[in-house]
Amino acid sequence: MGAGKNVLLSLVSFFLTISIALIITLLGANMLLHPKIYEKTFEENGIYDLFENSTEENNEFSEIPEKGIRIVINTLLDNILSYLRGDSNEPNLNLTIDNESLRGFFENNLTISEATTVDLKQAFNLEENNLERARFFINVYRWIFYVSLIFSILMTILTFFLAEKSIFSTFKWMGITLFFAGISVVISVIILNQMLEKIIMEMAQVDIFKGVSEGITSKFLGRINLYSYIITGFGILLFASSFAMPFVFKKKAEISEEAQPAETNLETQENL
């Protein structure tokens, strides 16, 4: 392989490393668009119990189902995340209420009609434009993910041809690429985790909200780390295979060559 191809392969490997590292990060970030991470963190930090106790003191305000405030929070959370992901066209944040009892409580924030629901977008000043903006950025995130995925596939195919269509050479270059992509993300996660810990310490004054922030951050970064370790391990496996497999095939060929003359001699003796 010429020096020019080696330089070009190195350049392709560099861009492929960046692309794969980006894919790992975006895959990990995808869990933030689903309610499970929040529900588990709320459970661990007693958020449901906090709202449950608050509701018991003011239970005349809302119609809470038998399973408690948990189902209300989870439903609202699922509705807003579904809207942000693009799975629904309207953010359904309506809470069923006891109209008469709640009228005085919200009278300074919104107008209570004769309906038996209150729109939490209005109650908490969640403007439609802000939700639309968040949805737009999530769509951009998805486009970046798909473009990075297609780019990575094309760069992998290009690596195969630049490696003179040698599967073992391709394994070696892809192994190096995957290893450095995984390691770079692991290092980035360590740095990001330290930065976020400082920010949370400074901004979260209430212990329970500090716990929620740390819980979500830990799960989010933990998922990215998991993907990074998998990619790093796969890279090591490919790199090792690029040296081990040719050796195995060579040994098999030598054994086959040694066995062939013996079979020829045996056939000659039988003919005699």
Protein backbone atom coordinates (compact mmCIF):
# COMPACT_ATOMS: atom_id res chain seq x y z
CA MET A 1 0.00 0.00 0.00
CA GLY A 2 1.43 3.38 -1.05
CA ALA A 3 2.16 6.32 1.23
CA GLY A 4 -0.62 8.33 -0.43
CA LYS A 5 -3.24 5.72 0.42
CA ASN A 6 -1.99 5.53 4.00
CA VAL A 7 -2.35 9.29 4.37
CA LEU A 8 -5.84 9.17 2.85
CA LEU A 9 -6.81 6.26 5.09
CA SER A 10 -5.59 8.19 8.13
CA LEU A 11 -7.70 11.17 7.10
CA VAL A 12 -10.79 9.01 6.55
CA SER A 13 -10.19 7.30 9.90
CA PHE A 14 -9.96 10.69 11.64
CA PHE A 15 -13.30 11.92 10.29
CA LEU A 16 -14.88 8.52 10.92
CA THR A 17 -13.69 8.67 14.54
CA ILE A 18 -15.40 12.03 15.03
CA SER A 19 -18.57 10.79 13.35
CA ILE A 20 -18.79 7.61 15.45
CA ALA A 21 -18.09 9.56 18.65
CA LEU A 22 -20.95 11.89 17.74
CA ILE A 23 -23.27 8.93 17.08
CA ILE A 24 -22.42 7.44 20.49
CA THR A 25 -23.23 10.74 22.22
CA LEU A 26 -26.49 11.27 20.32
CA LEU A 27 -27.61 7.70 21.01
CA GLY A 28 -27.07 8.29 24.72
CA ALA A 29 -28.89 11.62 24.57
CA ASN A 30 -31.93 9.92 23.05
CA MET A 31 -32.91 8.55 26.48
CA LEU A 32 -33.65 12.13 27.59
CA LEU A 33 -36.58 12.15 25.16
CA HIS A 34 -38.31 9.26 26.91
CA PRO A 35 -40.00 9.31 30.33
CA LYS A 36 -38.32 6.25 31.88
CA ILE A 37 -35.17 8.13 33.00
CA TYR A 38 -37.26 10.81 34.71
CA GLU A 39 -39.71 8.38 36.30
CA LYS A 40 -36.88 6.31 37.79
CA THR A 41 -35.10 9.43 39.07
CA PHE A 42 -38.32 10.83 40.57
CA GLU A 43 -38.87 7.52 42.34
CA GLU A 44 -35.32 7.45 43.74
CA ASN A 45 -35.53 11.02 45.03
CA GLY A 46 -39.02 10.92 46.51
CA ILE A 47 -40.62 13.35 44.07
CA TYR A 48 -43.82 11.33 43.90
CA ASP A 49 -44.04 11.23 47.69
CA LEU A 50 -43.46 14.98 47.86
CA PHE A 51 -46.35 15.71 45.50
CA GLU A 52 -48.47 13.00 47.10
CA ASN A 53 -48.15 14.66 50.50
CA SER A 54 -48.84 18.08 49.01
CA THR A 55 -51.93 16.74 47.24
CA GLU A 56 -53.28 15.17 50.43
CA GLU A 57 -53.22 18.61 52.05
CA ASN A 58 -54.96 20.23 49.08
CA ASN A 59 -56.89 17.28 47.65
CA GLU A 60 -59.94 19.42 46.94
CA PHE A 61 -58.12 21.08 44.04
CA SER A 62 -57.72 18.16 41.65
CA GLU A 63 -59.26 14.86 40.75
CA ILE A 64 -56.44 12.42 41.51
CA PRO A 65 -56.91 8.81 40.34
CA GLU A 66 -56.80 5.90 42.75
CA LYS A 67 -53.13 5.16 41.99
CA GLY A 68 -52.19 8.62 43.23
CA ILE A 69 -50.28 11.59 41.86
CA ARG A 70 -47.70 9.29 40.22
CA ILE A 71 -49.98 8.48 37.28
CA VAL A 72 -50.79 12.18 36.79
CA ILE A 73 -47.11 13.21 36.70
CA ASN A 74 -46.14 10.32 34.44
CA THR A 75 -48.99 11.04 32.03
CA LEU A 76 -48.14 14.74 31.76
CA LEU A 77 -44.45 13.91 31.34
CA ASP A 78 -45.19 11.35 28.64
CA ASN A 79 -47.46 13.81 26.81
CA ILE A 80 -44.92 16.62 26.65
CA LEU A 81 -42.04 14.31 25.63
CA SER A 82 -44.26 12.72 22.99
CA TYR A 83 -44.89 16.19 21.57
CA LEU A 84 -41.20 17.12 21.63
CA ARG A 85 -40.29 13.87 19.84
CA GLY A 86 -42.87 14.63 17.17
CA ASP A 87 -45.12 11.68 18.03
CA SER A 88 -48.08 13.99 18.68
CA ASN A 89 -49.13 17.27 17.08
CA GLU A 90 -50.33 19.05 20.21
CA PRO A 91 -48.78 19.18 23.71
CA ASN A 92 -51.54 17.74 25.90
CA LEU A 93 -50.89 19.19 29.37
CA ASN A 94 -54.42 19.27 30.66
CA LEU A 95 -55.08 18.38 34.31
CA THR A 96 -58.54 17.34 35.46
CA ILE A 97 -59.71 19.60 38.30
CA ASP A 98 -62.50 20.32 40.72
CA ASN A 99 -63.52 23.56 39.03
CA GLU A 100 -65.11 25.41 41.90
CA SER A 101 -62.44 24.62 44.50
CA LEU A 102 -59.58 25.57 42.19
CA ARG A 103 -61.06 28.79 40.86
CA GLY A 104 -59.72 30.95 43.65
CA PHE A 105 -56.32 29.26 43.69
CA PHE A 106 -55.56 30.11 40.04
CA GLU A 107 -57.55 33.30 39.67
CA ASN A 108 -54.42 35.46 39.49
CA ASN A 109 -52.69 33.28 36.93
CA LEU A 110 -55.37 32.33 34.42
CA THR A 111 -59.03 32.51 33.75
CA ILE A 112 -60.94 29.45 34.95
CA SER A 113 -63.77 28.55 32.63
CA GLU A 114 -66.61 26.14 33.29
CA ALA A 115 -64.45 23.32 31.92
CA THR A 116 -63.17 20.64 34.28
CA THR A 117 -59.54 20.81 33.07
CA VAL A 118 -56.75 23.33 33.42
CA ASP A 119 -54.04 23.77 30.79
CA LEU A 120 -50.69 23.63 32.58
CA LYS A 121 -49.00 25.39 29.66
CA GLN A 122 -50.90 28.50 30.65
CA ALA A 123 -50.66 27.91 34.40
CA PHE A 124 -46.87 27.64 34.29
CA ASN A 125 -46.39 30.11 31.44
CA LEU A 126 -45.13 27.47 29.01
CA GLU A 127 -45.46 29.40 25.79
CA GLU A 128 -46.22 27.48 22.60
CA ASN A 129 -43.26 29.15 20.89
CA ASN A 130 -40.84 27.79 23.49
CA LEU A 131 -42.15 24.26 23.04
CA GLU A 132 -41.99 24.64 19.26
CA ARG A 133 -38.41 25.87 19.54
CA ALA A 134 -37.46 22.89 21.67
CA ARG A 135 -39.16 20.57 19.18
CA PHE A 136 -37.23 22.21 16.33
CA PHE A 137 -33.87 21.62 18.05
CA ILE A 138 -34.82 17.99 18.67
CA ASN A 139 -35.54 17.60 14.95
CA VAL A 140 -32.12 19.11 14.20
CA TYR A 141 -30.59 16.61 16.63
CA ARG A 142 -32.26 13.75 14.75
CA TRP A 143 -31.05 15.02 11.38
CA ILE A 144 -27.49 15.27 12.72
CA PHE A 145 -27.75 11.68 13.97
CA TYR A 146 -28.99 10.29 10.64
CA VAL A 147 -26.46 12.30 8.61
CA SER A 148 -23.65 11.09 10.90
CA LEU A 149 -24.86 7.50 10.53
CA ILE A 150 -24.94 7.69 6.72
CA PHE A 151 -21.56 9.44 6.68
CA SER A 152 -20.05 6.72 8.88
CA ILE A 153 -21.38 3.96 6.60
CA LEU A 154 -19.93 5.68 3.52
CA MET A 155 -16.56 6.22 5.24
CA THR A 156 -16.48 2.54 6.26
CA ILE A 157 -17.06 1.48 2.64
CA LEU A 158 -14.36 3.92 1.51
CA THR A 159 -11.97 2.42 4.07
CA PHE A 160 -12.56 -1.03 2.56
CA PHE A 161 -11.66 0.15 -0.95
CA LEU A 162 -8.67 2.20 0.18
CA ALA A 163 -7.41 -0.86 2.05
CA GLU A 164 -7.21 -2.57 -1.38
CA LYS A 165 -10.37 -4.56 -0.64
CA SER A 166 -8.54 -6.50 2.06
CA ILE A 167 -10.90 -7.51 4.86
CA PHE A 168 -8.01 -7.87 7.31
CA SER A 169 -6.62 -4.42 6.55
CA THR A 170 -10.15 -3.02 6.87
CA PHE A 171 -10.50 -4.72 10.27
CA LYS A 172 -7.24 -3.13 11.40
CA TRP A 173 -8.21 0.40 10.37
CA MET A 174 -11.77 0.08 11.67
CA GLY A 175 -10.47 -1.36 14.94
CA ILE A 176 -8.20 1.65 15.44
CA THR A 177 -11.02 4.03 14.51
CA LEU A 178 -13.59 2.46 16.86
CA PHE A 179 -11.08 2.27 19.71
CA PHE A 180 -10.20 5.97 19.53
CA ALA A 181 -13.87 6.95 19.04
CA GLY A 182 -14.87 5.07 22.19
CA ILE A 183 -11.94 6.32 24.27
CA SER A 184 -12.48 9.94 23.19
CA VAL A 185 -16.11 9.79 24.34
CA VAL A 186 -15.14 8.20 27.69
CA ILE A 187 -12.66 11.04 28.32
CA SER A 188 -15.24 13.64 27.25
CA VAL A 189 -17.82 12.13 29.63
CA ILE A 190 -15.37 12.37 32.56
CA ILE A 191 -14.73 16.05 31.81
CA LEU A 192 -18.42 16.82 31.22
CA ASN A 193 -19.44 15.04 34.43
CA GLN A 194 -17.05 17.17 36.50
CA MET A 195 -18.36 20.35 34.87
CA LEU A 196 -22.01 19.40 35.45
CA GLU A 197 -21.34 18.50 39.08
CA LYS A 198 -20.00 22.01 39.70
CA ILE A 199 -22.97 23.61 37.93
CA ILE A 200 -25.47 21.52 39.90
CA MET A 201 -23.73 22.34 43.19
CA GLU A 202 -23.96 26.07 42.44
CA MET A 203 -27.51 26.16 41.04
CA ALA A 204 -29.47 23.50 42.94
CA GLN A 205 -30.03 24.91 46.42
CA VAL A 206 -32.71 22.39 47.45
CA ASP A 207 -31.40 18.89 48.18
CA ILE A 208 -34.26 17.06 46.48
CA PHE A 209 -33.82 18.97 43.21
CA LYS A 210 -30.08 18.54 43.44
CA GLY A 211 -30.67 14.80 43.73
CA VAL A 212 -32.95 14.81 40.67
CA SER A 213 -30.39 16.74 38.60
CA GLU A 214 -27.56 14.46 39.64
CA GLY A 215 -29.69 11.35 39.03
CA ILE A 216 -30.64 12.37 35.48
CA THR A 217 -27.06 13.40 34.69
CA SER A 218 -25.66 10.15 36.07
CA LYS A 219 -28.05 7.97 34.05
CA PHE A 220 -27.57 9.99 30.87
CA LEU A 221 -23.76 9.95 31.03
CA GLY A 222 -23.79 6.33 32.20
CA ARG A 223 -25.67 5.31 29.05
CA ILE A 224 -23.14 7.16 26.86
CA ASN A 225 -20.29 5.45 28.73
CA LEU A 226 -21.90 2.05 28.17
CA TYR A 227 -22.04 2.61 24.42
CA SER A 228 -18.45 3.89 24.50
CA TYR A 229 -17.17 0.77 26.25
CA ILE A 230 -18.99 -1.45 23.74
CA ILE A 231 -17.50 0.43 20.77
CA THR A 232 -14.02 0.42 22.36
CA GLY A 233 -14.20 -3.32 23.02
CA PHE A 234 -15.42 -4.02 19.50
CA GLY A 235 -12.55 -1.93 18.14
CA ILE A 236 -10.01 -3.96 20.14
CA LEU A 237 -11.63 -7.17 18.86
CA LEU A 238 -11.43 -6.05 15.23
CA PHE A 239 -7.81 -4.92 15.59
CA ALA A 240 -6.80 -8.22 17.20
CA SER A 241 -8.71 -10.16 14.54
CA SER A 242 -6.81 -8.38 11.76
CA PHE A 243 -3.63 -10.10 12.99
CA ALA A 244 -5.04 -13.33 14.39
CA MET A 245 -7.23 -14.36 11.44
CA PRO A 246 -4.47 -14.29 8.77
CA PHE A 247 -2.28 -16.39 11.10
CA VAL A 248 -5.10 -18.94 11.56
CA PHE A 249 -5.79 -19.13 7.83
CA LYS A 250 -2.07 -19.52 7.10
CA LYS A 251 -1.82 -22.39 9.58
CA LYS A 252 -4.83 -24.10 8.02
CA ALA A 253 -3.31 -23.74 4.56
CA GLU A 254 0.00 -25.25 5.74
CA ILE A 255 -1.79 -28.20 7.33
CA SER A 256 -3.78 -28.70 4.14
CA GLU A 257 -0.61 -28.62 2.02
CA GLU A 258 1.08 -31.14 4.30
CA ALA A 259 -1.89 -33.46 4.17
CA GLN A 260 -2.20 -33.35 0.38
CA PRO A 261 1.12 -35.18 -0.48
CA ALA A 262 0.30 -37.87 2.09
CA GLU A 263 -3.06 -38.48 0.42
CA THR A 264 -1.35 -38.58 -3.01
CA ASN A 265 1.19 -41.17 -1.80
CA LEU A 266 -1.60 -43.31 -0.33
CA GLU A 267 -3.50 -43.28 -3.60
CA THR A 268 -0.32 -44.25 -5.50
CA GLN A 269 0.30 -47.20 -3.20
CA GLU A 270 -3.29 -48.38 -3.60
CA ASN A 271 -2.96 -48.25 -7.41
CA LEU A 272 0.18 -50.39 -7.24
